[in-house]
Amino acid sequence: MINISPRQLEVFVHVATLGSVRAAAQRLHLTQPAASMALRDMENQLGGRLFDRERGRLHLNPRGRELLPLAQELLERYAEFGRQTGGEAAPGGELRVGTSNTVGNYRVGELLGRFVQAHPHVTVRLRVANTATIAAAMLDHTLDVGCVEGPVTHPQLEVRPWRSDTLVVCARPDHPLARRRRLLPEHFADARWVLREPGSATRALSERALARLPPGLTVLELDQIEAIKQAVVAGLGIACLPQVAVIDAVGAGRLKVLRTPFLDLTRQLSILLHRQKYRGVVMEAFLRTL
């Protein structure tokens, strides 16, 4: 008879999300030998290993990936059972949120503010990366919910619209394009562009915009919006950036937004949910704040 304890499930889930027994032991306030023993006993009961080791990290094998969402659900239901039988009114625990760069750096207050204020006993762990990385983490069950700025199409992921976002073309105030009273597409011929890295939603929308302009030159590819802003301020080129990210620089006179009514630079910010993941009290409380 299989007799897997909540502690063993906790070790399994934390090793899966953190990539090592040592990190899981630290998070759970266990010794590393105790965490290793808990995981080994669980694997023995299940009749096989749940992880493969690669470059010093543990990665779920197919059996482990199959069991991870079930283990997460069992732990959430166990916590809910404890709250109800113990008379606890406020949910606690952990919410793992992944956001793409624009959301994580400039809209995190809009995304998490109401929830954090209403649920002080929930620990929110935030991961910021590009859209493709966040979607992959959602599929691996290492995140509970995602918020991204790029299109995501995967049968296992539910995509819910959250709010719209706008990009703007920016240049240094003394750039030749910034001094023109009225811009036309042909004025962008041979323009020097600073772009986000491939795989980011900002890069994808920028490329669609550039396809409507005469050919230019990509002089830099950077993976951070702030780095792109500094490159434009330094006069290295022009860039498509989220409007919310350049308000301060425009107000300070370090950047100028170019008027480009001939370009469609709007996009949809979306919430990502895994269709197979159990949505417990904490998750439902978060979704209600949106």
Protein backbone atom coordinates (compact mmCIF):
# COMPACT_ATOMS: atom_id res chain seq x y z
CA MET A 1 0.00 0.00 0.00
CA ILE A 2 1.33 3.44 -0.96
CA ASN A 3 1.58 5.78 2.03
CA ILE A 4 3.01 9.07 0.80
CA SER A 5 3.03 11.88 3.37
CA PRO A 6 2.39 15.60 2.82
CA ARG A 7 6.03 16.24 3.72
CA GLN A 8 7.20 13.93 0.92
CA LEU A 9 4.88 15.70 -1.49
CA GLU A 10 6.29 19.06 -0.38
CA VAL A 11 9.85 17.89 -0.98
CA PHE A 12 8.92 16.52 -4.41
CA VAL A 13 7.16 19.75 -5.46
CA HIS A 14 9.95 22.01 -4.21
CA VAL A 15 12.68 19.93 -5.85
CA ALA A 16 10.69 20.09 -9.09
CA THR A 17 10.33 23.88 -8.95
CA LEU A 18 13.77 24.74 -7.55
CA GLY A 19 15.88 22.13 -9.34
CA SER A 20 17.82 20.75 -6.38
CA VAL A 21 17.33 18.88 -3.11
CA ARG A 22 19.50 21.41 -1.29
CA ALA A 23 17.33 24.37 -2.36
CA ALA A 24 14.16 22.45 -1.49
CA ALA A 25 15.54 21.59 1.95
CA GLN A 26 16.37 25.24 2.64
CA ARG A 27 12.92 26.39 1.55
CA LEU A 28 11.25 23.78 3.79
CA HIS A 29 13.65 24.30 6.72
CA LEU A 30 14.87 20.69 6.54
CA THR A 31 18.33 19.22 6.53
CA GLN A 32 19.49 18.07 3.11
CA PRO A 33 19.71 14.40 4.22
CA ALA A 34 16.12 14.56 5.51
CA ALA A 35 14.88 15.99 2.21
CA SER A 36 16.84 13.41 0.23
CA MET A 37 15.39 10.60 2.35
CA ALA A 38 11.83 11.90 1.89
CA LEU A 39 12.24 12.04 -1.89
CA ARG A 40 13.94 8.64 -2.05
CA ASP A 41 11.20 7.02 0.03
CA MET A 42 8.51 8.53 -2.21
CA GLU A 43 10.26 7.26 -5.33
CA ASN A 44 10.63 3.80 -3.77
CA GLN A 45 6.92 3.67 -3.02
CA LEU A 46 6.10 4.71 -6.60
CA GLY A 47 8.51 2.14 -8.02
CA GLY A 48 10.79 4.43 -9.98
CA ARG A 49 12.68 7.71 -10.19
CA LEU A 50 10.88 11.01 -10.78
CA PHE A 51 13.92 13.08 -11.80
CA ASP A 52 16.84 12.98 -14.20
CA ARG A 53 20.06 14.77 -13.34
CA GLU A 54 21.45 17.16 -15.94
CA ARG A 55 24.39 19.56 -15.40
CA GLY A 56 24.06 19.30 -11.65
CA ARG A 57 20.32 20.05 -11.57
CA LEU A 58 17.36 17.73 -11.19
CA HIS A 59 14.81 17.77 -14.00
CA LEU A 60 11.48 15.98 -13.95
CA ASN A 61 11.30 12.88 -16.12
CA PRO A 62 8.02 12.02 -17.91
CA ARG A 63 6.68 10.23 -14.81
CA GLY A 64 7.54 13.20 -12.61
CA ARG A 65 5.91 15.69 -14.99
CA GLU A 66 2.76 13.58 -14.94
CA LEU A 67 2.61 13.53 -11.14
CA LEU A 68 3.63 17.13 -10.37
CA PRO A 69 0.23 18.82 -10.94
CA LEU A 70 -1.47 16.08 -8.89
CA ALA A 71 1.03 16.55 -6.04
CA GLN A 72 0.47 20.33 -6.13
CA GLU A 73 -3.29 19.83 -6.02
CA LEU A 74 -3.07 17.42 -3.08
CA LEU A 75 -0.98 19.91 -1.10
CA GLU A 76 -3.37 22.77 -1.85
CA ARG A 77 -6.39 20.70 -0.86
CA TYR A 78 -4.59 19.56 2.30
CA ALA A 79 -3.93 23.21 3.22
CA GLU A 80 -7.55 24.14 2.53
CA PHE A 81 -8.72 21.25 4.71
CA GLY A 82 -6.52 22.53 7.53
CA ARG A 83 -7.85 26.06 7.21
CA GLN A 84 -11.47 24.97 7.26
CA THR A 85 -11.13 22.52 10.15
CA GLY A 86 -8.90 24.90 12.09
CA GLY A 87 -11.22 27.86 11.68
CA GLU A 88 -8.70 29.96 9.74
CA ALA A 89 -10.47 32.59 7.67
CA ALA A 90 -7.58 34.01 5.65
CA PRO A 91 -5.85 31.82 3.06
CA GLY A 92 -2.09 31.47 3.29
CA GLY A 93 0.64 29.73 1.37
CA GLU A 94 2.49 30.68 -1.78
CA LEU A 95 1.60 32.04 -5.21
CA ARG A 96 4.22 31.73 -7.96
CA VAL A 97 3.68 34.40 -10.60
CA GLY A 98 5.60 34.76 -13.85
CA THR A 99 5.48 37.94 -15.91
CA SER A 100 7.06 39.16 -19.09
CA ASN A 101 9.37 42.15 -18.77
CA THR A 102 6.94 45.00 -19.36
CA VAL A 103 4.48 43.69 -16.78
CA GLY A 104 7.10 42.69 -14.23
CA ASN A 105 9.02 45.96 -14.41
CA TYR A 106 6.25 48.51 -14.97
CA ARG A 107 2.83 47.03 -14.18
CA VAL A 108 3.51 44.76 -11.23
CA GLY A 109 1.59 47.07 -8.92
CA GLU A 110 -1.49 46.86 -11.14
CA LEU A 111 -1.16 43.09 -11.33
CA LEU A 112 -0.44 42.22 -7.69
CA GLY A 113 -1.22 45.26 -5.57
CA ARG A 114 -4.83 44.52 -4.62
CA PHE A 115 -4.10 40.85 -3.96
CA VAL A 116 -1.05 41.49 -1.77
CA GLN A 117 -2.94 44.05 0.31
CA ALA A 118 -5.95 41.77 0.76
CA HIS A 119 -3.97 38.60 1.50
CA PRO A 120 -0.94 39.41 3.66
CA HIS A 121 -0.47 35.75 4.66
CA VAL A 122 0.24 34.65 1.07
CA THR A 123 3.85 34.79 -0.12
CA VAL A 124 4.09 35.93 -3.74
CA ARG A 125 7.17 34.77 -5.66
CA LEU A 126 7.68 36.72 -8.88
CA ARG A 127 9.71 35.62 -11.88
CA VAL A 128 10.35 38.06 -14.76
CA ALA A 129 11.41 36.78 -18.19
CA ASN A 130 10.30 37.03 -21.79
CA THR A 131 6.95 35.66 -22.95
CA ALA A 132 8.34 32.41 -24.37
CA THR A 133 10.14 31.59 -21.10
CA ILE A 134 7.07 32.30 -18.95
CA ALA A 135 4.86 30.13 -21.18
CA ALA A 136 7.38 27.27 -20.93
CA ALA A 137 7.45 27.58 -17.13
CA MET A 138 3.67 27.43 -17.04
CA LEU A 139 3.74 24.21 -19.04
CA ASP A 140 6.32 22.78 -16.60
CA HIS A 141 4.06 23.68 -13.63
CA THR A 142 6.85 25.72 -12.05
CA LEU A 143 4.55 28.76 -12.08
CA ASP A 144 0.96 29.03 -10.90
CA VAL A 145 -0.06 31.93 -13.14
CA GLY A 146 1.53 34.03 -15.84
CA CYS A 147 0.99 37.49 -17.24
CA VAL A 148 2.53 38.17 -20.64
CA GLU A 149 2.47 40.73 -23.42
CA GLY A 150 2.85 38.35 -26.35
CA PRO A 151 0.48 35.92 -28.06
CA VAL A 152 0.53 32.40 -26.62
CA THR A 153 -1.18 29.48 -28.31
CA HIS A 154 -0.91 26.11 -26.61
CA PRO A 155 -3.76 23.66 -26.00
CA GLN A 156 -2.79 23.20 -22.33
CA LEU A 157 -2.78 26.94 -21.57
CA GLU A 158 -5.84 29.12 -21.08
CA VAL A 159 -5.27 32.71 -22.19
CA ARG A 160 -7.43 35.41 -20.59
CA PRO A 161 -7.27 39.03 -21.78
CA TRP A 162 -6.17 41.41 -19.03
CA ARG A 163 -5.60 44.88 -20.49
CA SER A 164 -4.16 46.59 -23.54
CA ASP A 165 -0.67 48.03 -23.85
CA THR A 166 0.89 50.42 -26.35
CA LEU A 167 4.37 50.71 -27.77
CA VAL A 168 5.84 53.98 -29.01
CA VAL A 169 8.78 54.74 -31.28
CA CYS A 170 11.38 56.74 -29.33
CA ALA A 171 14.43 58.73 -30.28
CA ARG A 172 16.80 61.18 -28.67
CA PRO A 173 15.37 64.71 -28.87
CA ASP A 174 18.18 65.82 -31.22
CA HIS A 175 17.71 62.85 -33.58
CA PRO A 176 16.89 63.92 -37.17
CA LEU A 177 13.54 62.09 -37.03
CA ALA A 178 12.64 63.86 -33.77
CA ARG A 179 13.13 67.26 -35.45
CA ARG A 180 10.67 66.59 -38.27
CA ARG A 181 7.26 68.24 -37.88
CA ARG A 182 5.43 65.45 -39.73
CA LEU A 183 6.80 61.96 -40.15
CA LEU A 184 6.09 59.66 -43.08
CA PRO A 185 7.11 56.00 -43.48
CA GLU A 186 9.78 56.86 -46.05
CA HIS A 187 11.60 59.01 -43.51
CA PHE A 188 12.61 55.82 -41.68
CA ALA A 189 14.78 54.54 -44.54
CA ASP A 190 18.17 53.36 -43.24
CA ALA A 191 17.15 54.10 -39.64
CA ARG A 192 19.31 52.49 -36.95
CA TRP A 193 17.19 50.39 -34.58
CA VAL A 194 17.81 49.03 -31.10
CA LEU A 195 15.61 45.95 -30.59
CA ARG A 196 14.67 43.50 -27.87
CA GLU A 197 15.99 39.96 -28.07
CA PRO A 198 14.21 37.33 -30.23
CA GLY A 199 11.48 35.53 -28.26
CA SER A 200 10.17 38.65 -26.57
CA ALA A 201 6.73 40.05 -27.37
CA THR A 202 8.13 43.55 -27.77
CA ARG A 203 10.51 42.23 -30.45
CA ALA A 204 7.66 40.51 -32.31
CA LEU A 205 5.51 43.65 -32.38
CA SER A 206 8.52 45.79 -33.33
CA GLU A 207 9.26 43.51 -36.28
CA ARG A 208 5.66 43.76 -37.50
CA ALA A 209 5.94 47.55 -37.34
CA LEU A 210 9.30 47.58 -39.10
CA ALA A 211 7.86 45.48 -41.90
CA ARG A 212 5.70 48.49 -42.82
CA LEU A 213 8.72 50.78 -43.04
CA PRO A 214 11.64 51.00 -45.47
CA PRO A 215 14.60 48.76 -44.59
CA GLY A 216 16.74 49.89 -41.69
CA LEU A 217 19.69 48.54 -39.71
CA THR A 218 19.56 46.66 -36.41
CA VAL A 219 22.53 47.97 -34.44
CA LEU A 220 21.83 46.34 -31.05
CA GLU A 221 19.73 43.53 -29.57
CA LEU A 222 19.22 43.81 -25.80
CA ASP A 223 17.17 41.77 -23.35
CA GLN A 224 16.15 44.59 -21.00
CA ILE A 225 13.91 47.57 -21.71
CA GLU A 226 15.99 49.84 -19.47
CA ALA A 227 19.12 48.96 -21.42
CA ILE A 228 17.37 49.85 -24.68
CA LYS A 229 16.25 53.19 -23.22
CA GLN A 230 19.82 54.03 -22.25
CA ALA A 231 21.07 53.05 -25.71
CA VAL A 232 18.52 55.39 -27.34
CA VAL A 233 19.38 58.20 -24.90
CA ALA A 234 23.03 57.70 -25.85
CA GLY A 235 22.13 58.21 -29.51
CA LEU A 236 22.84 54.67 -30.68
CA GLY A 237 19.54 54.35 -32.51
CA ILE A 238 15.75 54.48 -32.21
CA ALA A 239 13.50 51.86 -30.63
CA CYS A 240 9.96 50.62 -30.08
CA LEU A 241 9.32 50.66 -26.33
CA PRO A 242 6.29 50.27 -24.07
CA GLN A 243 4.73 53.67 -23.49
CA VAL A 244 4.54 53.00 -19.76
CA ALA A 245 8.31 52.45 -19.69
CA VAL A 246 9.34 55.79 -21.19
CA ILE A 247 7.10 58.24 -19.33
CA ASP A 248 9.90 59.29 -16.98
CA ALA A 249 12.53 59.70 -19.70
CA VAL A 250 10.15 61.67 -21.93
CA GLY A 251 9.17 63.92 -19.01
CA ALA A 252 12.82 64.56 -18.26
CA GLY A 253 13.52 65.51 -21.87
CA ARG A 254 15.90 62.59 -22.47
CA LEU A 255 13.64 60.86 -25.02
CA LYS A 256 11.06 62.00 -27.52
CA VAL A 257 8.11 59.95 -28.74
CA LEU A 258 7.84 60.01 -32.53
CA ARG A 259 4.32 60.42 -33.93
CA THR A 260 3.71 57.33 -36.12
CA PRO A 261 -0.06 57.07 -36.79
CA PHE A 262 0.74 54.80 -39.75
CA LEU A 263 1.96 52.05 -37.38
CA ASP A 264 -0.25 49.79 -35.23
CA LEU A 265 1.65 49.43 -31.96
CA THR A 266 -1.09 48.21 -29.62
CA ARG A 267 -1.12 44.76 -28.06
CA GLN A 268 -3.03 42.69 -25.52
CA LEU A 269 -1.65 41.77 -22.11
CA SER A 270 -2.92 38.35 -21.07
CA ILE A 271 -3.20 36.08 -18.04
CA LEU A 272 -1.97 32.50 -18.53
CA LEU A 273 -3.48 29.55 -16.63
CA HIS A 274 -2.71 25.86 -17.00
CA ARG A 275 -5.88 23.96 -17.84
CA GLN A 276 -4.82 20.93 -15.77
CA LYS A 277 -3.78 22.86 -12.66
CA TYR A 278 -6.07 22.85 -9.65
CA ARG A 279 -7.23 26.37 -8.82
CA GLY A 280 -7.51 26.49 -5.09
CA VAL A 281 -8.53 29.24 -2.71
CA VAL A 282 -5.37 31.30 -3.20
CA MET A 283 -5.54 31.15 -7.00
CA GLU A 284 -9.24 32.01 -7.10
CA ALA A 285 -8.66 34.92 -4.71
CA PHE A 286 -5.94 36.25 -7.01
CA LEU A 287 -8.06 35.92 -10.14
CA ARG A 288 -10.91 37.81 -8.47
CA THR A 289 -8.62 40.81 -7.92
CA LEU A 290 -8.08 41.08 -11.67
